[in-house]
Amino acid sequence: MLAAVPALVMMLPSSTYKTSSSTWTLGYSSRPSGDPATPLSHAGRVRMSRPVVLAKCTSAVGSGLGQLRVGTDISGMWKERMGNHVVSVSQSAEHSFSKKPLRSCVLVEGLGVQGDAHAGETVQHLSRVQADPTQPNLRQVHLIHAELFDELGAEGFSVRPGDLGENITTRGVDLLSLPEGTVLHIGETAVVQVTGLRTPCFQIDRFQSGLLKAVLPRDSEGNVVRKAGVMGIVCAGGEVSVGDGIRVEFPAEPHRALERV
């Protein structure tokens, strides 16, 4: 059993873990659902069945991790235990640059994220619609690795899940190195096939000056490195929630590197 000593925690969006129905956690939010969009306010002997966000303890707590001292950053410990997982899900019914983070979303086979402006069998991104509205939609779902936000933070930017318009924010999966056609099994039933790299437009600099260059740097040979995530199509529908695991299934060889779509 956990010690009954309470500890205050701060919300850290990139660090989540999922409990079973019988697991005691170190924290809870003010909502029974454990919505990660709600700041955590107290910790102790609280039972949760939804993902919880952790940061630093401000009181000593006994737990399965051992005795945690004041100031101990427990977020990294849980990230290591989680493996490949969903950090955040976001959607917007409008063609807005950023999307609103949610506790969960529903993927619809052949369409994309239910209720999202970019869902559809044919292209929905406005620039693509203007060019040819009959093109197949290879950009039904946008995924970004949370590690990019860590990297941008170290460069002085402040970017959170949903800010860059992605639908699913991941951690643990090296999205950019996946070959074309890689299949991602997310949660219990959802399946997304990776189609290519996302190329952000000038709007990203309106969001934060200098951000476009940061996500489209050049390597030592002068080649553009596209860091703004990957796009995919929904092969099987289902609910995707914060904390869901991600299983990567590679296509048959020879593998083809991702190109922009």
Foldseek 3Di string as FASTA:
>chain_A
DKDQDKWFFWQDLQFKAFDAQPDFDFWAFPDLQRKSVGTTGMGGGDGHGAIHGGFFTQPWMADPVGIHHGGDGCRVVRLVVLAKFWSWFFADLDPDQFTDTGQKFKADACFATPNHQQTDQFGRNPVVCVVPRRHGRFFRFWEAECVLQVVVVVVPDHDDPRNRPGGTYIYNDPQQFAFAQKWKQWADKWIWGWHAAEQDDPVVCVSPNPVNCVQFPADPVRHTDHRRTTGTGTRTMDMHGRNIHIDIDHDDDPTHHGHYD
